[in-house]
Amino acid sequence: MNEHQNISGRIEPQDNPNGSAWAALLAASIGGLVFGIATDLSECSPRAAKLLLWYRPAGSLSGVAGVAILIWVVVWAALFVLWRGKRIANGRILMAIILAVGGAAIVATFPPFYELLGG
């Protein structure tokens, strides 16, 4: 195990596990992407909007948020179990997070993309 001295002078192992933190970040970005996709689907498809109508006063937003939260929790739990106690390479996970968050931003907020779907 490689060790290094931190600012306080304590010696700590360099290969601290970071899997649970990366699991939380990646799951949140995937949940955001699902939220954007579900929003566009509910706006572009009356059938999808009807399926996502879980609570009438909130409209299809109730199902959109519910699906996104459900996917977020499932992905977080699965990744946490797989990655806890492990050291995960930052580069690939960070790229996946950037792509998911960027994709969510484009899907959920970029009007030309929305118009392609017929909104």
PDB file of N, CA and C in Angstrom:
ATOM      1  N   MET A   1       0.851  -1.171   0.000  1.00  0.00           N
ATOM      2  CA  MET A   1       0.000   0.000   0.000  1.00  0.00           C
ATOM      3  C   MET A   1       0.900   1.239   0.000  1.00  0.00           C
ATOM      4  N   ASN A   2       0.641   2.136  -0.913  1.00  0.00           N
ATOM      5  CA  ASN A   2       1.405   3.381  -0.969  1.00  0.00           C
ATOM      6  C   ASN A   2       0.889   4.342   0.081  1.00  0.00           C
ATOM      7  N   GLU A   3       1.793   5.090   0.681  1.00  0.00           N
ATOM      8  CA  GLU A   3       1.386   6.058   1.693  1.00  0.00           C
ATOM      9  C   GLU A   3       1.953   7.417   1.341  1.00  0.00           C
ATOM     10  N   HIS A   4       1.266   8.465   1.807  1.00  0.00           N
ATOM     11  CA  HIS A   4       1.765   9.826   1.625  1.00  0.00           C
ATOM     12  C   HIS A   4       1.424  10.635   2.865  1.00  0.00           C
ATOM     13  N   GLN A   5       2.135  11.730   3.042  1.00  0.00           N
ATOM     14  CA  GLN A   5       1.915  12.579   4.204  1.00  0.00           C
ATOM     15  C   GLN A   5       1.000  13.727   3.789  1.00  0.00           C
ATOM     16  N   ASN A   6      -0.106  13.925   4.528  1.00  0.00           N
ATOM     17  CA  ASN A   6      -1.014  15.015   4.192  1.00  0.00           C
ATOM     18  C   ASN A   6      -0.579  16.302   4.881  1.00  0.00           C
ATOM     19  N   ILE A   7      -1.345  17.354   4.699  1.00  0.00           N
ATOM     20  CA  ILE A   7      -0.982  18.676   5.217  1.00  0.00           C
ATOM     21  C   ILE A   7      -0.833  18.669   6.735  1.00  0.00           C
ATOM     22  N   SER A   8      -1.665  17.917   7.428  1.00  0.00           N
ATOM     23  CA  SER A   8      -1.605  17.898   8.891  1.00  0.00           C
ATOM     24  C   SER A   8      -0.426  17.071   9.416  1.00  0.00           C
ATOM     25  N   GLY A   9       0.297  16.416   8.513  1.00  0.00           N
ATOM     26  CA  GLY A   9       1.439  15.624   8.928  1.00  0.00           C
ATOM     27  C   GLY A   9       1.115  14.160   9.141  1.00  0.00           C
ATOM     28  N   ARG A  10      -0.168  13.801   9.092  1.00  0.00           N
ATOM     29  CA  ARG A  10      -0.545  12.394   9.252  1.00  0.00           C
ATOM     30  C   ARG A  10      -0.212  11.622   7.983  1.00  0.00           C
ATOM     31  N   ILE A  11       0.172  10.401   8.161  1.00  0.00           N
ATOM     32  CA  ILE A  11       0.434   9.536   7.012  1.00  0.00           C
ATOM     33  C   ILE A  11      -0.825   8.722   6.755  1.00  0.00           C
ATOM     34  N   GLU A  12      -1.318   8.795   5.509  1.00  0.00           N
ATOM     35  CA  GLU A  12      -2.536   8.089   5.129  1.00  0.00           C
ATOM     36  C   GLU A  12      -2.276   7.252   3.885  1.00  0.00           C
ATOM     37  N   PRO A  13      -3.025   6.182   3.730  1.00  0.00           N
ATOM     38  CA  PRO A  13      -2.880   5.390   2.509  1.00  0.00           C
ATOM     39  C   PRO A  13      -3.364   6.195   1.297  1.00  0.00           C
ATOM     40  N   GLN A  14      -2.674   6.062   0.170  1.00  0.00           N
ATOM     41  CA  GLN A  14      -3.068   6.785  -1.038  1.00  0.00           C
ATOM     42  C   GLN A  14      -4.249   6.143  -1.728  1.00  0.00           C
ATOM     43  N   ASP A  15      -4.433   4.886  -1.552  1.00  0.00           N
ATOM     44  CA  ASP A  15      -5.497   4.216  -2.278  1.00  0.00           C
ATOM     45  C   ASP A  15      -6.776   4.118  -1.438  1.00  0.00           C
ATOM     46  N   ASN A  16      -7.230   5.251  -0.930  1.00  0.00           N
ATOM     47  CA  ASN A  16      -8.488   5.297  -0.193  1.00  0.00           C
ATOM     48  C   ASN A  16      -9.627   4.898  -1.117  1.00  0.00           C
ATOM     49  N   PRO A  17     -10.570   4.104  -0.642  1.00  0.00           N
ATOM     50  CA  PRO A  17     -11.701   3.746  -1.488  1.00  0.00           C
ATOM     51  C   PRO A  17     -12.561   4.975  -1.792  1.00  0.00           C
ATOM     52  N   ASN A  18     -12.993   5.082  -3.027  1.00  0.00           N
ATOM     53  CA  ASN A  18     -13.840   6.200  -3.433  1.00  0.00           C
ATOM     54  C   ASN A  18     -15.083   5.724  -4.174  1.00  0.00           C
ATOM     55  N   GLY A  19     -15.298   4.419  -4.215  1.00  0.00           N
ATOM     56  CA  GLY A  19     -16.399   3.858  -4.992  1.00  0.00           C
ATOM     57  C   GLY A  19     -17.773   4.337  -4.575  1.00  0.00           C
ATOM     58  N   SER A  20     -18.011   4.446  -3.273  1.00  0.00           N
ATOM     59  CA  SER A  20     -19.352   4.857  -2.836  1.00  0.00           C
ATOM     60  C   SER A  20     -19.644   6.304  -3.233  1.00  0.00           C
ATOM     61  N   ALA A  21     -18.647   7.161  -3.214  1.00  0.00           N
ATOM     62  CA  ALA A  21     -18.847   8.550  -3.637  1.00  0.00           C
ATOM     63  C   ALA A  21     -19.123   8.625  -5.139  1.00  0.00           C
ATOM     64  N   TRP A  22     -18.342   7.893  -5.929  1.00  0.00           N
ATOM     65  CA  TRP A  22     -18.573   7.886  -7.376  1.00  0.00           C
ATOM     66  C   TRP A  22     -19.926   7.262  -7.705  1.00  0.00           C
ATOM     67  N   ALA A  23     -20.352   6.277  -6.949  1.00  0.00           N
ATOM     68  CA  ALA A  23     -21.665   5.666  -7.164  1.00  0.00           C
ATOM     69  C   ALA A  23     -22.776   6.699  -6.982  1.00  0.00           C
ATOM     70  N   ALA A  24     -22.657   7.502  -5.929  1.00  0.00           N
ATOM     71  CA  ALA A  24     -23.668   8.530  -5.670  1.00  0.00           C
ATOM     72  C   ALA A  24     -23.689   9.578  -6.778  1.00  0.00           C
ATOM     73  N   LEU A  25     -22.518  10.022  -7.214  1.00  0.00           N
ATOM     74  CA  LEU A  25     -22.447  11.049  -8.257  1.00  0.00           C
ATOM     75  C   LEU A  25     -22.954  10.540  -9.599  1.00  0.00           C
ATOM     76  N   LEU A  26     -22.557   9.346  -9.975  1.00  0.00           N
ATOM     77  CA  LEU A  26     -23.001   8.800 -11.257  1.00  0.00           C
ATOM     78  C   LEU A  26     -24.499   8.518 -11.238  1.00  0.00           C
ATOM     79  N   ALA A  27     -25.010   7.988 -10.135  1.00  0.00           N
ATOM     80  CA  ALA A  27     -26.442   7.716 -10.032  1.00  0.00           C
ATOM     81  C   ALA A  27     -27.259   9.002 -10.124  1.00  0.00           C
ATOM     82  N   ALA A  28     -26.787  10.060  -9.489  1.00  0.00           N
ATOM     83  CA  ALA A  28     -27.504  11.334  -9.554  1.00  0.00           C
ATOM     84  C   ALA A  28     -27.520  11.887 -10.975  1.00  0.00           C
ATOM     85  N   SER A  29     -26.411  11.767 -11.691  1.00  0.00           N
ATOM     86  CA  SER A  29     -26.383  12.279 -13.066  1.00  0.00           C
ATOM     87  C   SER A  29     -27.280  11.437 -13.978  1.00  0.00           C
ATOM     88  N   ILE A  30     -27.324  10.134 -13.768  1.00  0.00           N
ATOM     89  CA  ILE A  30     -28.221   9.283 -14.547  1.00  0.00           C
ATOM     90  C   ILE A  30     -29.673   9.617 -14.220  1.00  0.00           C
ATOM     91  N   GLY A  31     -29.978   9.856 -12.957  1.00  0.00           N
ATOM     92  CA  GLY A  31     -31.330  10.269 -12.573  1.00  0.00           C
ATOM     93  C   GLY A  31     -31.730  11.572 -13.245  1.00  0.00           C
ATOM     94  N   GLY A  32     -30.804  12.515 -13.339  1.00  0.00           N
ATOM     95  CA  GLY A  32     -31.086  13.768 -14.031  1.00  0.00           C
ATOM     96  C   GLY A  32     -31.348  13.562 -15.505  1.00  0.00           C
ATOM     97  N   LEU A  33     -30.589  12.678 -16.130  1.00  0.00           N
ATOM     98  CA  LEU A  33     -30.800  12.370 -17.539  1.00  0.00           C
ATOM     99  C   LEU A  33     -32.165  11.715 -17.743  1.00  0.00           C
ATOM    100  N   VAL A  34     -32.533  10.799 -16.883  1.00  0.00           N
ATOM    101  CA  VAL A  34     -33.843  10.153 -16.969  1.00  0.00           C
ATOM    102  C   VAL A  34     -34.951  11.182 -16.782  1.00  0.00           C
ATOM    103  N   PHE A  35     -34.754  12.130 -15.877  1.00  0.00           N
ATOM    104  CA  PHE A  35     -35.745  13.188 -15.668  1.00  0.00           C
ATOM    105  C   PHE A  35     -35.952  13.982 -16.965  1.00  0.00           C
ATOM    106  N   GLY A  36     -34.862  14.350 -17.629  1.00  0.00           N
ATOM    107  CA  GLY A  36     -34.972  15.099 -18.878  1.00  0.00           C
ATOM    108  C   GLY A  36     -35.671  14.314 -19.967  1.00  0.00           C
ATOM    109  N   ILE A  37     -35.305  13.043 -20.111  1.00  0.00           N
ATOM    110  CA  ILE A  37     -35.931  12.200 -21.132  1.00  0.00           C
ATOM    111  C   ILE A  37     -37.409  12.008 -20.841  1.00  0.00           C
ATOM    112  N   ALA A  38     -37.746  11.719 -19.604  1.00  0.00           N
ATOM    113  CA  ALA A  38     -39.148  11.509 -19.231  1.00  0.00           C
ATOM    114  C   ALA A  38     -39.962  12.788 -19.415  1.00  0.00           C
ATOM    115  N   THR A  39     -39.369  13.940 -19.137  1.00  0.00           N
ATOM    116  CA  THR A  39     -40.059  15.211 -19.344  1.00  0.00           C
ATOM    117  C   THR A  39     -40.402  15.395 -20.813  1.00  0.00           C
ATOM    118  N   ASP A  40     -39.429  15.182 -21.683  1.00  0.00           N
ATOM    119  CA  ASP A  40     -39.684  15.324 -23.113  1.00  0.00           C
ATOM    120  C   ASP A  40     -40.716  14.315 -23.597  1.00  0.00           C
ATOM    121  N   LEU A  41     -40.624  13.088 -23.129  1.00  0.00           N
ATOM    122  CA  LEU A  41     -41.610  12.079 -23.528  1.00  0.00           C
ATOM    123  C   LEU A  41     -43.017  12.469 -23.098  1.00  0.00           C
ATOM    124  N   SER A  42     -43.147  12.970 -21.893  1.00  0.00           N
ATOM    125  CA  SER A  42     -44.479  13.341 -21.405  1.00  0.00           C
ATOM    126  C   SER A  42     -45.043  14.541 -22.163  1.00  0.00           C
ATOM    127  N   GLU A  43     -44.174  15.415 -22.642  1.00  0.00           N
ATOM    128  CA  GLU A  43     -44.630  16.585 -23.391  1.00  0.00           C
ATOM    129  C   GLU A  43     -44.933  16.264 -24.851  1.00  0.00           C
ATOM    130  N   CYS A  44     -44.254  15.265 -25.384  1.00  0.00           N
ATOM    131  CA  CYS A  44     -44.399  14.942 -26.811  1.00  0.00           C
ATOM    132  C   CYS A  44     -45.390  13.822 -27.087  1.00  0.00           C
ATOM    133  N   SER A  45     -45.712  13.036 -26.105  1.00  0.00           N
ATOM    134  CA  SER A  45     -46.579  11.887 -26.314  1.00  0.00           C
ATOM    135  C   SER A  45     -47.741  11.896 -25.329  1.00  0.00           C
ATOM    136  N   PRO A  46     -48.961  12.030 -25.835  1.00  0.00           N
ATOM    137  CA  PRO A  46     -50.118  11.979 -24.922  1.00  0.00           C
ATOM    138  C   PRO A  46     -50.198  10.650 -24.163  1.00  0.00           C
ATOM    139  N   ARG A  47     -49.789   9.570 -24.808  1.00  0.00           N
ATOM    140  CA  ARG A  47     -49.822   8.264 -24.144  1.00  0.00           C
ATOM    141  C   ARG A  47     -48.830   8.226 -22.974  1.00  0.00           C
ATOM    142  N   ALA A  48     -47.616   8.746 -23.206  1.00  0.00           N
ATOM    143  CA  ALA A  48     -46.621   8.791 -22.134  1.00  0.00           C
ATOM    144  C   ALA A  48     -47.090   9.709 -21.010  1.00  0.00           C
ATOM    145  N   ALA A  49     -47.690  10.846 -21.388  1.00  0.00           N
ATOM    146  CA  ALA A  49     -48.191  11.774 -20.367  1.00  0.00           C
ATOM    147  C   ALA A  49     -49.256  11.098 -19.504  1.00  0.00           C
ATOM    148  N   LYS A  50     -50.090  10.295 -20.126  1.00  0.00           N
ATOM    149  CA  LYS A  50     -51.133   9.601 -19.373  1.00  0.00           C
ATOM    150  C   LYS A  50     -50.521   8.559 -18.428  1.00  0.00           C
ATOM    151  N   LEU A  51     -49.492   7.841 -18.908  1.00  0.00           N
ATOM    152  CA  LEU A  51     -48.822   6.855 -18.061  1.00  0.00           C
ATOM    153  C   LEU A  51     -48.095   7.510 -16.881  1.00  0.00           C
ATOM    154  N   LEU A  52     -47.627   8.724 -17.094  1.00  0.00           N
ATOM    155  CA  LEU A  52     -46.871   9.426 -16.054  1.00  0.00           C
ATOM    156  C   LEU A  52     -47.754  10.281 -15.148  1.00  0.00           C
ATOM    157  N   LEU A  53     -49.043  10.219 -15.336  1.00  0.00           N
ATOM    158  CA  LEU A  53     -49.976  10.963 -14.489  1.00  0.00           C
ATOM    159  C   LEU A  53     -50.267  10.140 -13.232  1.00  0.00           C
ATOM    160  N   TRP A  54     -49.428  10.312 -12.220  1.00  0.00           N
ATOM    161  CA  TRP A  54     -49.561   9.555 -10.980  1.00  0.00           C
ATOM    162  C   TRP A  54     -50.368  10.310  -9.940  1.00  0.00           C
ATOM    163  N   TYR A  55     -50.386  11.627 -10.039  1.00  0.00           N
ATOM    164  CA  TYR A  55     -51.092  12.471  -9.078  1.00  0.00           C
ATOM    165  C   TYR A  55     -51.682  13.642  -9.855  1.00  0.00           C
ATOM    166  N   ARG A  56     -52.999  13.628 -10.039  1.00  0.00           N
ATOM    167  CA  ARG A  56     -53.669  14.556 -10.946  1.00  0.00           C
ATOM    168  C   ARG A  56     -53.326  16.030 -10.719  1.00  0.00           C
ATOM    169  N   PRO A  57     -53.306  16.547  -9.490  1.00  0.00           N
ATOM    170  CA  PRO A  57     -52.984  17.979  -9.327  1.00  0.00           C
ATOM    171  C   PRO A  57     -51.600  18.375  -9.853  1.00  0.00           C
ATOM    172  N   ALA A  58     -50.660  17.451  -9.857  1.00  0.00           N
ATOM    173  CA  ALA A  58     -49.314  17.757 -10.344  1.00  0.00           C
ATOM    174  C   ALA A  58     -49.158  17.447 -11.826  1.00  0.00           C
ATOM    175  N   GLY A  59     -50.095  16.728 -12.394  1.00  0.00           N
ATOM    176  CA  GLY A  59     -49.997  16.358 -13.799  1.00  0.00           C
ATOM    177  C   GLY A  59     -48.933  15.284 -14.009  1.00  0.00           C
ATOM    178  N   SER A  60     -48.414  15.229 -15.232  1.00  0.00           N
ATOM    179  CA  SER A  60     -47.441  14.190 -15.553  1.00  0.00           C
ATOM    180  C   SER A  60     -46.103  14.404 -14.842  1.00  0.00           C
ATOM    181  N   LEU A  61     -45.897  15.584 -14.288  1.00  0.00           N
ATOM    182  CA  LEU A  61     -44.659  15.835 -13.554  1.00  0.00           C
ATOM    183  C   LEU A  61     -44.506  14.872 -12.378  1.00  0.00           C
ATOM    184  N   SER A  62     -45.623  14.431 -11.806  1.00  0.00           N
ATOM    185  CA  SER A  62     -45.531  13.485 -10.690  1.00  0.00           C
ATOM    186  C   SER A  62     -44.882  12.173 -11.133  1.00  0.00           C
ATOM    187  N   GLY A  63     -45.247  11.672 -12.287  1.00  0.00           N
ATOM    188  CA  GLY A  63     -44.647  10.452 -12.796  1.00  0.00           C
ATOM    189  C   GLY A  63     -43.236  10.663 -13.303  1.00  0.00           C
ATOM    190  N   VAL A  64     -42.997  11.817 -13.928  1.00  0.00           N
ATOM    191  CA  VAL A  64     -41.654  12.138 -14.413  1.00  0.00           C
ATOM    192  C   VAL A  64     -40.675  12.129 -13.243  1.00  0.00           C
ATOM    193  N   ALA A  65     -41.014  12.829 -12.186  1.00  0.00           N
ATOM    194  CA  ALA A  65     -40.141  12.881 -11.004  1.00  0.00           C
ATOM    195  C   ALA A  65     -40.055  11.512 -10.344  1.00  0.00           C
ATOM    196  N   GLY A  66     -41.171  10.813 -10.273  1.00  0.00           N
ATOM    197  CA  GLY A  66     -41.176   9.489  -9.651  1.00  0.00           C
ATOM    198  C   GLY A  66     -40.282   8.500 -10.373  1.00  0.00           C
ATOM    199  N   VAL A  67     -40.357   8.479 -11.697  1.00  0.00           N
ATOM    200  CA  VAL A  67     -39.516   7.570 -12.489  1.00  0.00           C
ATOM    201  C   VAL A  67     -38.039   7.929 -12.315  1.00  0.00           C
ATOM    202  N   ALA A  68     -37.728   9.226 -12.388  1.00  0.00           N
ATOM    203  CA  ALA A  68     -36.338   9.662 -12.234  1.00  0.00           C
ATOM    204  C   ALA A  68     -35.792   9.288 -10.860  1.00  0.00           C
ATOM    205  N   ILE A  69     -36.587   9.481  -9.824  1.00  0.00           N
ATOM    206  CA  ILE A  69     -36.150   9.141  -8.466  1.00  0.00           C
ATOM    207  C   ILE A  69     -35.982   7.631  -8.322  1.00  0.00           C
ATOM    208  N   LEU A  70     -36.898   6.869  -8.881  1.00  0.00           N
ATOM    209  CA  LEU A  70     -36.802   5.414  -8.809  1.00  0.00           C
ATOM    210  C   LEU A  70     -35.532   4.915  -9.498  1.00  0.00           C
ATOM    211  N   ILE A  71     -35.257   5.419 -10.690  1.00  0.00           N
ATOM    212  CA  ILE A  71     -34.040   5.027 -11.413  1.00  0.00           C
ATOM    213  C   ILE A  71     -32.805   5.449 -10.622  1.00  0.00           C
ATOM    214  N   TRP A  72     -32.810   6.660 -10.080  1.00  0.00           N
ATOM    215  CA  TRP A  72     -31.677   7.152  -9.289  1.00  0.00           C
ATOM    216  C   TRP A  72     -31.384   6.215  -8.114  1.00  0.00           C
ATOM    217  N   VAL A  73     -32.414   5.847  -7.370  1.00  0.00           N
ATOM    218  CA  VAL A  73     -32.225   5.004  -6.186  1.00  0.00           C
ATOM    219  C   VAL A  73     -31.739   3.611  -6.579  1.00  0.00           C
ATOM    220  N   VAL A  74     -32.317   3.033  -7.629  1.00  0.00           N
ATOM    221  CA  VAL A  74     -31.918   1.693  -8.063  1.00  0.00           C
ATOM    222  C   VAL A  74     -30.468   1.693  -8.538  1.00  0.00           C
ATOM    223  N   VAL A  75     -30.097   2.689  -9.363  1.00  0.00           N
ATOM    224  CA  VAL A  75     -28.721   2.769  -9.859  1.00  0.00           C
ATOM    225  C   VAL A  75     -27.757   3.018  -8.713  1.00  0.00           C
ATOM    226  N   TRP A  76     -28.126   3.913  -7.798  1.00  0.00           N
ATOM    227  CA  TRP A  76     -27.255   4.202  -6.660  1.00  0.00           C
ATOM    228  C   TRP A  76     -27.029   2.947  -5.808  1.00  0.00           C
ATOM    229  N   ALA A  77     -28.096   2.231  -5.525  1.00  0.00           N
ATOM    230  CA  ALA A  77     -27.973   1.025  -4.702  1.00  0.00           C
ATOM    231  C   ALA A  77     -27.100  -0.021  -5.400  1.00  0.00           C
ATOM    232  N   ALA A  78     -27.319  -0.224  -6.687  1.00  0.00           N
ATOM    233  CA  ALA A  78     -26.549  -1.229  -7.422  1.00  0.00           C
ATOM    234  C   ALA A  78     -25.065  -0.850  -7.481  1.00  0.00           C
ATOM    235  N   LEU A  79     -24.785   0.399  -7.824  1.00  0.00           N
ATOM    236  CA  LEU A  79     -23.393   0.834  -7.908  1.00  0.00           C
ATOM    237  C   LEU A  79     -22.726   0.834  -6.534  1.00  0.00           C
ATOM    238  N   PHE A  80     -23.466   1.207  -5.507  1.00  0.00           N
ATOM    239  CA  PHE A  80     -22.899   1.198  -4.154  1.00  0.00           C
ATOM    240  C   PHE A  80     -22.466  -0.213  -3.765  1.00  0.00           C
ATOM    241  N   VAL A  81     -23.329  -1.185  -4.037  1.00  0.00           N
ATOM    242  CA  VAL A  81     -22.995  -2.572  -3.698  1.00  0.00           C
ATOM    243  C   VAL A  81     -21.772  -3.038  -4.493  1.00  0.00           C
ATOM    244  N   LEU A  82     -21.707  -2.668  -5.767  1.00  0.00           N
ATOM    245  CA  LEU A  82     -20.589  -3.089  -6.615  1.00  0.00           C
ATOM    246  C   LEU A  82     -19.280  -2.386  -6.269  1.00  0.00           C
ATOM    247  N   TRP A  83     -19.348  -1.109  -5.897  1.00  0.00           N
ATOM    248  CA  TRP A  83     -18.145  -0.284  -5.774  1.00  0.00           C
ATOM    249  C   TRP A  83     -17.714   0.034  -4.344  1.00  0.00           C
ATOM    250  N   ARG A  84     -18.498  -0.281  -3.329  1.00  0.00           N
ATOM    251  CA  ARG A  84     -18.095   0.087  -1.967  1.00  0.00           C
ATOM    252  C   ARG A  84     -16.778  -0.578  -1.610  1.00  0.00           C
ATOM    253  N   GLY A  85     -15.946   0.191  -0.960  1.00  0.00           N
ATOM    254  CA  GLY A  85     -14.653  -0.306  -0.544  1.00  0.00           C
ATOM    255  C   GLY A  85     -13.627  -0.425  -1.652  1.00  0.00           C
ATOM    256  N   LYS A  86     -13.973   0.028  -2.855  1.00  0.00           N
ATOM    257  CA  LYS A  86     -13.050  -0.081  -3.983  1.00  0.00           C
ATOM    258  C   LYS A  86     -12.552   1.297  -4.407  1.00  0.00           C
ATOM    259  N   ARG A  87     -11.424   1.302  -5.042  1.00  0.00           N
ATOM    260  CA  ARG A  87     -10.855   2.517  -5.629  1.00  0.00           C
ATOM    261  C   ARG A  87     -11.248   2.519  -7.105  1.00  0.00           C
ATOM    262  N   ILE A  88     -12.049   3.494  -7.508  1.00  0.00           N
ATOM    263  CA  ILE A  88     -12.550   3.587  -8.876  1.00  0.00           C
ATOM    264  C   ILE A  88     -11.736   4.638  -9.626  1.00  0.00           C
ATOM    265  N   ALA A  89     -11.355   4.321 -10.855  1.00  0.00           N
ATOM    266  CA  ALA A  89     -10.614   5.278 -11.684  1.00  0.00           C
ATOM    267  C   ALA A  89     -11.498   6.483 -11.964  1.00  0.00           C
ATOM    268  N   ASN A  90     -10.992   7.657 -11.659  1.00  0.00           N
ATOM    269  CA  ASN A  90     -11.796   8.879 -11.755  1.00  0.00           C
ATOM    270  C   ASN A  90     -12.142   9.268 -13.180  1.00  0.00           C
ATOM    271  N   GLY A  91     -11.254   9.073 -14.118  1.00  0.00           N
ATOM    272  CA  GLY A  91     -11.432   9.581 -15.469  1.00  0.00           C
ATOM    273  C   GLY A  91     -12.669   9.076 -16.178  1.00  0.00           C
ATOM    274  N   ARG A  92     -12.864   7.780 -16.199  1.00  0.00           N
ATOM    275  CA  ARG A  92     -14.014   7.213 -16.917  1.00  0.00           C
ATOM    276  C   ARG A  92     -15.335   7.580 -16.265  1.00  0.00           C
ATOM    277  N   ILE A  93     -15.388   7.525 -14.957  1.00  0.00           N
ATOM    278  CA  ILE A  93     -16.623   7.855 -14.257  1.00  0.00           C
ATOM    279  C   ILE A  93     -16.939   9.338 -14.433  1.00  0.00           C
ATOM    280  N   LEU A  94     -15.926  10.182 -14.328  1.00  0.00           N
ATOM    281  CA  LEU A  94     -16.156  11.612 -14.517  1.00  0.00           C
ATOM    282  C   LEU A  94     -16.666  11.899 -15.924  1.00  0.00           C
ATOM    283  N   MET A  95     -16.132  11.229 -16.927  1.00  0.00           N
ATOM    284  CA  MET A  95     -16.607  11.415 -18.299  1.00  0.00           C
ATOM    285  C   MET A  95     -18.063  10.962 -18.428  1.00  0.00           C
ATOM    286  N   ALA A  96     -18.414   9.852 -17.803  1.00  0.00           N
ATOM    287  CA  ALA A  96     -19.806   9.382 -17.835  1.00  0.00           C
ATOM    288  C   ALA A  96     -20.732  10.384 -17.165  1.00  0.00           C
ATOM    289  N   ILE A  97     -20.288  10.974 -16.059  1.00  0.00           N
ATOM    290  CA  ILE A  97     -21.098  11.980 -15.366  1.00  0.00           C
ATOM    291  C   ILE A  97     -21.270  13.207 -16.239  1.00  0.00           C
ATOM    292  N   ILE A  98     -20.200  13.660 -16.858  1.00  0.00           N
ATOM    293  CA  ILE A  98     -20.282  14.837 -17.727  1.00  0.00           C
ATOM    294  C   ILE A  98     -21.232  14.571 -18.891  1.00  0.00           C
ATOM    295  N   LEU A  99     -21.132  13.391 -19.491  1.00  0.00           N
ATOM    296  CA  LEU A  99     -22.020  13.056 -20.611  1.00  0.00           C
ATOM    297  C   LEU A  99     -23.481  12.968 -20.170  1.00  0.00           C
ATOM    298  N   ALA A 100     -23.724  12.371 -19.013  1.00  0.00           N
ATOM    299  CA  ALA A 100     -25.107  12.251 -18.529  1.00  0.00           C
ATOM    300  C   ALA A 100     -25.692  13.607 -18.168  1.00  0.00           C
ATOM    301  N   VAL A 101     -24.926  14.436 -17.477  1.00  0.00           N
ATOM    302  CA  VAL A 101     -25.426  15.763 -17.095  1.00  0.00           C
ATOM    303  C   VAL A 101     -25.575  16.637 -18.336  1.00  0.00           C
ATOM    304  N   GLY A 102     -24.595  16.568 -19.239  1.00  0.00           N
ATOM    305  CA  GLY A 102     -24.700  17.326 -20.490  1.00  0.00           C
ATOM    306  C   GLY A 102     -25.878  16.861 -21.324  1.00  0.00           C
ATOM    307  N   GLY A 103     -26.060  15.548 -21.377  1.00  0.00           N
ATOM    308  CA  GLY A 103     -27.211  15.008 -22.102  1.00  0.00           C
ATOM    309  C   GLY A 103     -28.519  15.440 -21.480  1.00  0.00           C
ATOM    310  N   ALA A 104     -28.580  15.447 -20.171  1.00  0.00           N
ATOM    311  CA  ALA A 104     -29.795  15.894 -19.482  1.00  0.00           C
ATOM    312  C   ALA A 104     -30.082  17.359 -19.788  1.00  0.00           C
ATOM    313  N   ALA A 105     -29.042  18.168 -19.802  1.00  0.00           N
ATOM    314  CA  ALA A 105     -29.228  19.594 -20.093  1.00  0.00           C
ATOM    315  C   ALA A 105     -29.747  19.794 -21.508  1.00  0.00           C
ATOM    316  N   ILE A 106     -29.201  19.050 -22.461  1.00  0.00           N
ATOM    317  CA  ILE A 106     -29.650  19.184 -23.848  1.00  0.00           C
ATOM    318  C   ILE A 106     -31.069  18.661 -24.003  1.00  0.00           C
ATOM    319  N   VAL A 107     -31.328  17.487 -23.460  1.00  0.00           N
ATOM    320  CA  VAL A 107     -32.646  16.864 -23.612  1.00  0.00           C
ATOM    321  C   VAL A 107     -33.725  17.686 -22.918  1.00  0.00           C
ATOM    322  N   ALA A 108     -33.434  18.183 -21.735  1.00  0.00           N
ATOM    323  CA  ALA A 108     -34.470  18.837 -20.938  1.00  0.00           C
ATOM    324  C   ALA A 108     -34.651  20.314 -21.252  1.00  0.00           C
ATOM    325  N   THR A 109     -33.641  20.978 -21.767  1.00  0.00           N
ATOM    326  CA  THR A 109     -33.751  22.439 -21.867  1.00  0.00           C
ATOM    327  C   THR A 109     -33.445  23.031 -23.232  1.00  0.00           C
ATOM    328  N   PHE A 110     -32.966  22.268 -24.185  1.00  0.00           N
ATOM    329  CA  PHE A 110     -32.542  22.826 -25.461  1.00  0.00           C
ATOM    330  C   PHE A 110     -33.706  22.754 -26.446  1.00  0.00           C
ATOM    331  N   PRO A 111     -34.351  23.881 -26.775  1.00  0.00           N
ATOM    332  CA  PRO A 111     -35.558  23.858 -27.615  1.00  0.00           C
ATOM    333  C   PRO A 111     -35.410  23.149 -28.960  1.00  0.00           C
ATOM    334  N   PRO A 112     -34.311  23.301 -29.707  1.00  0.00           N
ATOM    335  CA  PRO A 112     -34.250  22.566 -30.974  1.00  0.00           C
ATOM    336  C   PRO A 112     -34.342  21.049 -30.805  1.00  0.00           C
ATOM    337  N   PHE A 113     -33.783  20.516 -29.722  1.00  0.00           N
ATOM    338  CA  PHE A 113     -33.895  19.077 -29.480  1.00  0.00           C
ATOM    339  C   PHE A 113     -35.345  18.712 -29.182  1.00  0.00           C
ATOM    340  N   TYR A 114     -35.989  19.489 -28.355  1.00  0.00           N
ATOM    341  CA  TYR A 114     -37.377  19.251 -28.014  1.00  0.00           C
ATOM    342  C   TYR A 114     -38.259  19.298 -29.257  1.00  0.00           C
ATOM    343  N   GLU A 115     -37.995  20.251 -30.142  1.00  0.00           N
ATOM    344  CA  GLU A 115     -38.786  20.394 -31.369  1.00  0.00           C
ATOM    345  C   GLU A 115     -38.576  19.204 -32.311  1.00  0.00           C
ATOM    346  N   LEU A 116     -37.410  18.584 -32.278  1.00  0.00           N
ATOM    347  CA  LEU A 116     -37.174  17.387 -33.077  1.00  0.00           C
ATOM    348  C   LEU A 116     -38.132  16.265 -32.685  1.00  0.00           C
ATOM    349  N   LEU A 117     -38.488  16.241 -31.415  1.00  0.00           N
ATOM    350  CA  LEU A 117     -39.399  15.206 -30.923  1.00  0.00           C
ATOM    351  C   LEU A 117     -40.851  15.545 -31.185  1.00  0.00           C
ATOM    352  N   GLY A 118     -41.099  16.726 -31.711  1.00  0.00           N
ATOM    353  CA  GLY A 118     -42.462  17.101 -32.048  1.00  0.00           C
ATOM    354  C   GLY A 118     -43.173  17.922 -30.994  1.00  0.00           C
ATOM    355  N   GLY A 119     -42.395  18.515 -30.084  1.00  0.00           N
ATOM    356  CA  GLY A 119     -42.997  19.302 -29.005  1.00  0.00           C
ATOM    357  C   GLY A 119     -43.358  20.700 -29.408  1.00  0.00           C
TER     358      GLY A 119
END
